[in-house]
N, C-alpha and C. Protein backbone atom coordinates (compact mmCIF):
# COMPACT_ATOMS: atom_id res chain seq x y z
N MET A 1 25.30 11.57 -5.52
CA MET A 1 24.61 11.60 -6.79
C MET A 1 24.50 10.21 -7.39
N HIS A 2 25.54 9.40 -7.19
CA HIS A 2 25.55 8.04 -7.72
C HIS A 2 24.40 7.23 -7.11
N LYS A 3 24.12 7.47 -5.83
CA LYS A 3 23.04 6.77 -5.14
C LYS A 3 21.69 7.06 -5.82
N HIS A 4 21.47 8.31 -6.19
CA HIS A 4 20.21 8.69 -6.83
C HIS A 4 20.07 8.06 -8.20
N LEU A 5 21.16 7.96 -8.94
CA LEU A 5 21.11 7.31 -10.25
C LEU A 5 20.79 5.82 -10.12
N ASP A 6 21.35 5.17 -9.10
CA ASP A 6 21.05 3.76 -8.88
C ASP A 6 19.57 3.56 -8.57
N ILE A 7 19.02 4.43 -7.73
CA ILE A 7 17.60 4.34 -7.39
C ILE A 7 16.75 4.54 -8.64
N LEU A 8 17.08 5.54 -9.42
CA LEU A 8 16.30 5.81 -10.64
C LEU A 8 16.40 4.66 -11.64
N ARG A 9 17.58 4.04 -11.75
CA ARG A 9 17.73 2.89 -12.64
C ARG A 9 16.86 1.72 -12.17
N GLN A 10 16.88 1.46 -10.88
CA GLN A 10 16.07 0.37 -10.34
C GLN A 10 14.59 0.62 -10.56
N VAL A 11 14.16 1.85 -10.30
CA VAL A 11 12.76 2.19 -10.48
C VAL A 11 12.37 2.10 -11.96
N ALA A 12 13.24 2.56 -12.85
CA ALA A 12 12.95 2.49 -14.29
C ALA A 12 12.83 1.05 -14.76
N ARG A 13 13.71 0.18 -14.28
CA ARG A 13 13.63 -1.23 -14.66
C ARG A 13 12.32 -1.85 -14.19
N LEU A 14 11.98 -1.56 -12.93
CA LEU A 14 10.74 -2.12 -12.40
C LEU A 14 9.54 -1.54 -13.13
N ALA A 15 9.56 -0.25 -13.42
CA ALA A 15 8.44 0.38 -14.13
C ALA A 15 8.24 -0.26 -15.49
N ALA A 16 9.32 -0.54 -16.19
CA ALA A 16 9.22 -1.18 -17.50
C ALA A 16 8.67 -2.60 -17.37
N ALA A 17 9.13 -3.33 -16.38
CA ALA A 17 8.66 -4.71 -16.20
C ALA A 17 7.18 -4.73 -15.83
N ILE A 18 6.76 -3.84 -14.94
CA ILE A 18 5.35 -3.78 -14.57
C ILE A 18 4.51 -3.36 -15.78
N ALA A 19 5.05 -2.47 -16.61
CA ALA A 19 4.33 -2.04 -17.81
C ALA A 19 4.10 -3.23 -18.75
N VAL A 20 5.10 -4.10 -18.87
CA VAL A 20 4.94 -5.29 -19.71
C VAL A 20 3.84 -6.19 -19.16
N PHE A 21 3.88 -6.45 -17.85
CA PHE A 21 2.85 -7.28 -17.23
C PHE A 21 1.47 -6.64 -17.36
N THR A 22 1.40 -5.34 -17.17
CA THR A 22 0.13 -4.62 -17.27
C THR A 22 -0.38 -4.65 -18.70
N GLY A 23 0.51 -4.55 -19.66
CA GLY A 23 0.11 -4.68 -21.07
C GLY A 23 -0.47 -6.06 -21.34
N GLY A 24 0.15 -7.07 -20.76
CA GLY A 24 -0.39 -8.43 -20.88
C GLY A 24 -1.78 -8.54 -20.25
N MET A 25 -1.95 -7.91 -19.12
CA MET A 25 -3.25 -7.91 -18.46
C MET A 25 -4.30 -7.25 -19.35
N LEU A 26 -3.94 -6.12 -19.97
CA LEU A 26 -4.87 -5.43 -20.86
C LEU A 26 -5.20 -6.29 -22.08
N ALA A 27 -4.22 -7.04 -22.56
CA ALA A 27 -4.46 -7.95 -23.70
C ALA A 27 -5.46 -9.03 -23.30
N VAL A 28 -5.35 -9.55 -22.09
CA VAL A 28 -6.30 -10.56 -21.62
C VAL A 28 -7.70 -9.95 -21.52
N TYR A 29 -7.79 -8.75 -20.96
CA TYR A 29 -9.08 -8.07 -20.90
C TYR A 29 -9.66 -7.91 -22.31
N ALA A 30 -8.82 -7.53 -23.27
CA ALA A 30 -9.28 -7.34 -24.65
C ALA A 30 -9.76 -8.67 -25.25
N LEU A 31 -9.02 -9.74 -25.01
CA LEU A 31 -9.43 -11.05 -25.53
C LEU A 31 -10.75 -11.51 -24.93
N LEU A 32 -10.99 -11.13 -23.68
CA LEU A 32 -12.24 -11.50 -23.03
C LEU A 32 -13.38 -10.55 -23.39
N GLY A 33 -13.07 -9.49 -24.14
CA GLY A 33 -14.09 -8.52 -24.53
C GLY A 33 -14.50 -7.59 -23.41
N ALA A 34 -13.67 -7.47 -22.40
CA ALA A 34 -14.00 -6.66 -21.23
C ALA A 34 -13.17 -5.38 -21.14
N LEU A 35 -12.42 -5.08 -22.18
CA LEU A 35 -11.57 -3.88 -22.14
C LEU A 35 -12.44 -2.64 -22.35
N ASN A 36 -12.40 -1.75 -21.36
CA ASN A 36 -13.15 -0.50 -21.44
C ASN A 36 -12.34 0.61 -20.77
N ARG A 37 -12.92 1.78 -20.71
CA ARG A 37 -12.21 2.92 -20.15
C ARG A 37 -11.81 2.71 -18.69
N GLU A 38 -12.70 2.12 -17.90
CA GLU A 38 -12.42 1.90 -16.47
C GLU A 38 -11.24 0.95 -16.28
N VAL A 39 -11.13 -0.06 -17.13
CA VAL A 39 -10.02 -1.01 -17.05
C VAL A 39 -8.71 -0.31 -17.39
N VAL A 40 -8.71 0.49 -18.45
CA VAL A 40 -7.48 1.19 -18.85
C VAL A 40 -7.06 2.19 -17.79
N VAL A 41 -8.03 2.95 -17.26
CA VAL A 41 -7.71 3.91 -16.19
C VAL A 41 -7.19 3.16 -14.97
N GLY A 42 -7.82 2.05 -14.62
CA GLY A 42 -7.36 1.25 -13.49
C GLY A 42 -5.95 0.73 -13.69
N ALA A 43 -5.66 0.27 -14.90
CA ALA A 43 -4.31 -0.24 -15.20
C ALA A 43 -3.28 0.87 -15.06
N LEU A 44 -3.59 2.04 -15.58
CA LEU A 44 -2.64 3.16 -15.49
C LEU A 44 -2.44 3.61 -14.04
N LEU A 45 -3.54 3.72 -13.30
CA LEU A 45 -3.42 4.11 -11.89
C LEU A 45 -2.70 3.05 -11.07
N GLY A 46 -3.01 1.78 -11.33
CA GLY A 46 -2.33 0.70 -10.62
C GLY A 46 -0.84 0.68 -10.90
N TRP A 47 -0.47 0.91 -12.18
CA TRP A 47 0.95 0.98 -12.54
C TRP A 47 1.62 2.13 -11.79
N ALA A 48 0.98 3.29 -11.79
CA ALA A 48 1.56 4.46 -11.11
C ALA A 48 1.70 4.22 -9.61
N LEU A 49 0.72 3.61 -8.99
CA LEU A 49 0.80 3.32 -7.56
C LEU A 49 1.90 2.30 -7.25
N ALA A 50 2.03 1.28 -8.09
CA ALA A 50 3.06 0.27 -7.87
C ALA A 50 4.46 0.88 -8.01
N VAL A 51 4.65 1.69 -9.04
CA VAL A 51 5.96 2.31 -9.24
C VAL A 51 6.24 3.33 -8.13
N GLY A 52 5.23 4.11 -7.76
CA GLY A 52 5.41 5.08 -6.68
C GLY A 52 5.73 4.41 -5.36
N ASN A 53 5.08 3.29 -5.08
CA ASN A 53 5.36 2.55 -3.86
C ASN A 53 6.80 2.05 -3.83
N PHE A 54 7.26 1.52 -4.96
CA PHE A 54 8.64 1.03 -5.02
C PHE A 54 9.64 2.18 -4.90
N PHE A 55 9.34 3.30 -5.53
CA PHE A 55 10.22 4.47 -5.42
C PHE A 55 10.33 4.92 -3.97
N ALA A 56 9.19 4.99 -3.28
CA ALA A 56 9.20 5.39 -1.86
C ALA A 56 10.00 4.39 -1.03
N LEU A 57 9.86 3.10 -1.32
CA LEU A 57 10.64 2.07 -0.63
C LEU A 57 12.13 2.28 -0.84
N CYS A 58 12.54 2.50 -2.08
CA CYS A 58 13.97 2.67 -2.40
C CYS A 58 14.55 3.89 -1.68
N VAL A 59 13.85 4.98 -1.72
CA VAL A 59 14.34 6.21 -1.09
C VAL A 59 14.44 6.02 0.43
N THR A 60 13.42 5.41 1.02
CA THR A 60 13.43 5.19 2.46
C THR A 60 14.58 4.29 2.89
N VAL A 61 14.75 3.19 2.20
CA VAL A 61 15.83 2.26 2.56
C VAL A 61 17.19 2.91 2.37
N SER A 62 17.37 3.62 1.28
CA SER A 62 18.64 4.28 1.03
C SER A 62 18.97 5.31 2.11
N ASN A 63 17.99 6.12 2.45
CA ASN A 63 18.21 7.13 3.49
C ASN A 63 18.44 6.50 4.86
N ALA A 64 17.70 5.43 5.16
CA ALA A 64 17.86 4.76 6.45
C ALA A 64 19.24 4.12 6.57
N VAL A 65 19.70 3.51 5.50
CA VAL A 65 21.03 2.89 5.53
C VAL A 65 22.12 3.96 5.67
N ASP A 66 21.99 5.04 4.94
CA ASP A 66 22.96 6.13 5.06
C ASP A 66 23.00 6.68 6.49
N ARG A 67 21.82 6.87 7.08
CA ARG A 67 21.77 7.39 8.44
C ARG A 67 22.33 6.37 9.43
N ALA A 68 22.07 5.08 9.21
CA ALA A 68 22.59 4.04 10.10
C ALA A 68 24.11 4.03 10.08
N VAL A 69 24.69 4.19 8.88
CA VAL A 69 26.15 4.21 8.77
C VAL A 69 26.71 5.46 9.44
N ARG A 70 26.06 6.58 9.18
CA ARG A 70 26.54 7.86 9.72
C ARG A 70 26.44 7.90 11.25
N GLU A 71 25.33 7.37 11.80
CA GLU A 71 25.10 7.43 13.24
C GLU A 71 25.42 6.13 13.95
N ASN A 72 25.87 5.11 13.20
CA ASN A 72 26.17 3.80 13.76
C ASN A 72 24.98 3.26 14.56
N ASN A 73 23.80 3.28 13.92
CA ASN A 73 22.57 2.89 14.58
C ASN A 73 21.73 2.01 13.65
N PRO A 74 22.08 0.73 13.51
CA PRO A 74 21.31 -0.14 12.62
C PRO A 74 19.87 -0.39 13.09
N GLN A 75 19.65 -0.36 14.40
CA GLN A 75 18.29 -0.55 14.89
C GLN A 75 17.39 0.60 14.48
N GLY A 76 17.93 1.80 14.45
CA GLY A 76 17.16 2.96 14.00
C GLY A 76 16.77 2.83 12.54
N ALA A 77 17.69 2.33 11.73
CA ALA A 77 17.39 2.12 10.31
C ALA A 77 16.30 1.08 10.14
N GLN A 78 16.39 0.00 10.90
CA GLN A 78 15.38 -1.04 10.82
C GLN A 78 14.01 -0.50 11.22
N LEU A 79 13.95 0.30 12.26
CA LEU A 79 12.69 0.89 12.70
C LEU A 79 12.13 1.84 11.64
N THR A 80 12.99 2.63 11.03
CA THR A 80 12.56 3.55 9.98
C THR A 80 11.96 2.78 8.81
N ILE A 81 12.62 1.71 8.40
CA ILE A 81 12.14 0.92 7.27
C ILE A 81 10.81 0.25 7.61
N GLN A 82 10.69 -0.29 8.81
CA GLN A 82 9.45 -0.94 9.20
C GLN A 82 8.29 0.05 9.30
N SER A 83 8.54 1.21 9.87
CA SER A 83 7.47 2.20 9.97
C SER A 83 7.09 2.74 8.59
N SER A 84 8.06 2.88 7.71
CA SER A 84 7.77 3.31 6.35
C SER A 84 6.90 2.30 5.64
N SER A 85 7.16 1.02 5.86
CA SER A 85 6.37 -0.03 5.25
C SER A 85 4.91 0.07 5.68
N THR A 86 4.68 0.30 6.95
CA THR A 86 3.32 0.44 7.47
C THR A 86 2.64 1.67 6.90
N ILE A 87 3.36 2.78 6.86
CA ILE A 87 2.79 4.03 6.35
C ILE A 87 2.47 3.89 4.87
N ARG A 88 3.37 3.30 4.09
CA ARG A 88 3.11 3.12 2.66
C ARG A 88 1.89 2.24 2.43
N LEU A 89 1.75 1.17 3.22
CA LEU A 89 0.60 0.29 3.10
C LEU A 89 -0.70 1.05 3.40
N LEU A 90 -0.71 1.83 4.47
CA LEU A 90 -1.90 2.59 4.84
C LEU A 90 -2.26 3.62 3.76
N VAL A 91 -1.25 4.28 3.20
CA VAL A 91 -1.51 5.25 2.13
C VAL A 91 -2.09 4.54 0.91
N LEU A 92 -1.50 3.40 0.54
CA LEU A 92 -2.02 2.65 -0.61
C LEU A 92 -3.46 2.22 -0.38
N VAL A 93 -3.76 1.69 0.79
CA VAL A 93 -5.13 1.27 1.10
C VAL A 93 -6.07 2.46 1.01
N GLY A 94 -5.67 3.59 1.56
CA GLY A 94 -6.50 4.80 1.49
C GLY A 94 -6.76 5.25 0.06
N VAL A 95 -5.71 5.24 -0.77
CA VAL A 95 -5.86 5.65 -2.17
C VAL A 95 -6.76 4.68 -2.91
N TYR A 96 -6.55 3.38 -2.69
CA TYR A 96 -7.40 2.38 -3.35
C TYR A 96 -8.86 2.55 -2.94
N ILE A 97 -9.12 2.77 -1.67
CA ILE A 97 -10.50 2.96 -1.21
C ILE A 97 -11.12 4.17 -1.88
N LEU A 98 -10.37 5.27 -1.93
CA LEU A 98 -10.90 6.47 -2.59
C LEU A 98 -11.20 6.22 -4.07
N LEU A 99 -10.28 5.55 -4.75
CA LEU A 99 -10.48 5.26 -6.17
C LEU A 99 -11.70 4.37 -6.40
N PHE A 100 -11.84 3.35 -5.58
CA PHE A 100 -12.94 2.41 -5.76
C PHE A 100 -14.28 3.04 -5.42
N ARG A 101 -14.30 3.88 -4.37
CA ARG A 101 -15.54 4.57 -3.99
C ARG A 101 -15.95 5.59 -5.04
N ALA A 102 -14.97 6.20 -5.69
CA ALA A 102 -15.26 7.19 -6.73
C ALA A 102 -15.75 6.51 -8.00
N GLY A 103 -15.44 5.23 -8.17
CA GLY A 103 -15.90 4.48 -9.33
C GLY A 103 -15.22 4.86 -10.63
N VAL A 104 -14.00 5.38 -10.55
CA VAL A 104 -13.31 5.83 -11.76
C VAL A 104 -12.51 4.72 -12.44
N CYS A 105 -12.39 3.57 -11.77
CA CYS A 105 -11.55 2.52 -12.35
C CYS A 105 -12.06 1.14 -11.96
N ASP A 106 -11.61 0.16 -12.70
CA ASP A 106 -11.92 -1.23 -12.42
C ASP A 106 -11.02 -1.70 -11.27
N PRO A 107 -11.61 -2.20 -10.17
CA PRO A 107 -10.79 -2.59 -9.01
C PRO A 107 -9.72 -3.64 -9.32
N LEU A 108 -10.07 -4.68 -10.07
CA LEU A 108 -9.10 -5.73 -10.36
C LEU A 108 -7.94 -5.21 -11.21
N ALA A 109 -8.28 -4.41 -12.20
CA ALA A 109 -7.23 -3.84 -13.07
C ALA A 109 -6.35 -2.87 -12.31
N THR A 110 -6.85 -2.30 -11.23
CA THR A 110 -6.06 -1.37 -10.42
C THR A 110 -5.18 -2.12 -9.43
N LEU A 111 -5.67 -3.23 -8.92
CA LEU A 111 -4.90 -3.99 -7.92
C LEU A 111 -3.82 -4.89 -8.53
N LEU A 112 -4.08 -5.42 -9.71
CA LEU A 112 -3.12 -6.38 -10.29
C LEU A 112 -1.71 -5.80 -10.52
N PRO A 113 -1.55 -4.56 -10.97
CA PRO A 113 -0.18 -4.07 -11.16
C PRO A 113 0.68 -4.07 -9.90
N ILE A 114 0.08 -3.83 -8.74
CA ILE A 114 0.90 -3.87 -7.52
C ILE A 114 1.28 -5.31 -7.19
N LEU A 115 0.45 -6.26 -7.59
CA LEU A 115 0.83 -7.66 -7.42
C LEU A 115 1.88 -8.07 -8.45
N PHE A 116 1.79 -7.50 -9.64
CA PHE A 116 2.80 -7.76 -10.67
C PHE A 116 4.18 -7.29 -10.22
N ALA A 117 4.21 -6.30 -9.34
CA ALA A 117 5.49 -5.73 -8.89
C ALA A 117 6.37 -6.79 -8.24
N GLN A 118 5.76 -7.71 -7.49
CA GLN A 118 6.55 -8.76 -6.83
C GLN A 118 7.25 -9.65 -7.84
N THR A 119 6.51 -10.08 -8.85
CA THR A 119 7.10 -10.91 -9.90
C THR A 119 8.13 -10.11 -10.69
N ALA A 120 7.79 -8.87 -10.98
CA ALA A 120 8.70 -8.02 -11.75
C ALA A 120 10.01 -7.80 -10.98
N LEU A 121 9.93 -7.61 -9.67
CA LEU A 121 11.15 -7.44 -8.86
C LEU A 121 12.05 -8.67 -8.96
N LYS A 122 11.45 -9.84 -8.91
CA LYS A 122 12.24 -11.07 -9.02
C LYS A 122 12.91 -11.17 -10.39
N LEU A 123 12.18 -10.84 -11.44
CA LEU A 123 12.75 -10.88 -12.79
C LEU A 123 13.86 -9.85 -12.96
N VAL A 124 13.62 -8.65 -12.49
CA VAL A 124 14.63 -7.58 -12.61
C VAL A 124 15.89 -7.98 -11.86
N GLU A 125 15.72 -8.51 -10.67
CA GLU A 125 16.88 -8.93 -9.88
C GLU A 125 17.62 -10.09 -10.55
N PHE A 126 16.89 -11.01 -11.16
CA PHE A 126 17.51 -12.13 -11.86
C PHE A 126 18.41 -11.62 -12.99
N PHE A 127 17.88 -10.71 -13.81
CA PHE A 127 18.66 -10.20 -14.93
C PHE A 127 19.79 -9.29 -14.46
N ARG A 128 19.59 -8.60 -13.34
CA ARG A 128 20.65 -7.74 -12.80
C ARG A 128 21.81 -8.59 -12.29
N LYS A 129 21.53 -9.74 -11.71
CA LYS A 129 22.59 -10.64 -11.24
C LYS A 129 23.41 -11.14 -12.41
N GLU A 130 22.75 -11.45 -13.54
CA GLU A 130 23.50 -11.91 -14.71
C GLU A 130 24.41 -10.81 -15.24
N GLU A 131 23.95 -9.56 -15.19
CA GLU A 131 24.80 -8.45 -15.63
C GLU A 131 26.02 -8.33 -14.74
N LYS A 132 25.84 -8.51 -13.44
CA LYS A 132 26.96 -8.40 -12.50
C LYS A 132 27.98 -9.52 -12.70
N ASP A 133 27.48 -10.70 -13.11
CA ASP A 133 28.37 -11.84 -13.32
C ASP A 133 29.19 -11.72 -14.60
N GLY A 134 28.93 -10.70 -15.38
CA GLY A 134 29.69 -10.49 -16.60
C GLY A 134 29.00 -10.99 -17.85
N ASP A 135 27.90 -11.73 -17.68
CA ASP A 135 27.16 -12.19 -18.84
C ASP A 135 26.28 -11.05 -19.35
N PRO A 136 26.11 -10.96 -20.64
CA PRO A 136 25.21 -9.93 -21.16
C PRO A 136 23.77 -10.26 -20.79
N PRO A 137 22.94 -9.23 -20.51
CA PRO A 137 21.56 -9.51 -20.18
C PRO A 137 20.80 -10.03 -21.39
N LEU A 138 19.79 -10.83 -21.13
CA LEU A 138 18.99 -11.41 -22.22
C LEU A 138 18.11 -10.38 -22.85
């Protein structure tokens, strides 16, 4: 149960960080006078896809590590993680293609949140390290 709480905490932190970046993106769109329904829908869908992708990554890695320890097979865990990465990428590409072909969202506003995830992960990890060191988070 503790493992699941850790995963949910990590996902919640990343979701909040991506939401902040996405809010900033929407503010830029508003300042440029380009904020419309498609941009907002794209931002929401992009945020959901980025968070869902990270959640799937966390669950896959956690399960693969547990299985590697249980079966003493680190190569199997590595293969599981690598294949999951490929599958997640293909699913994301498929979803993005469907969304863009349907014309329900702005492509840039939909893609940027998944790119924000990389920066958000670095920030979340930075602040998490400070918490572990005993310093209060900023």
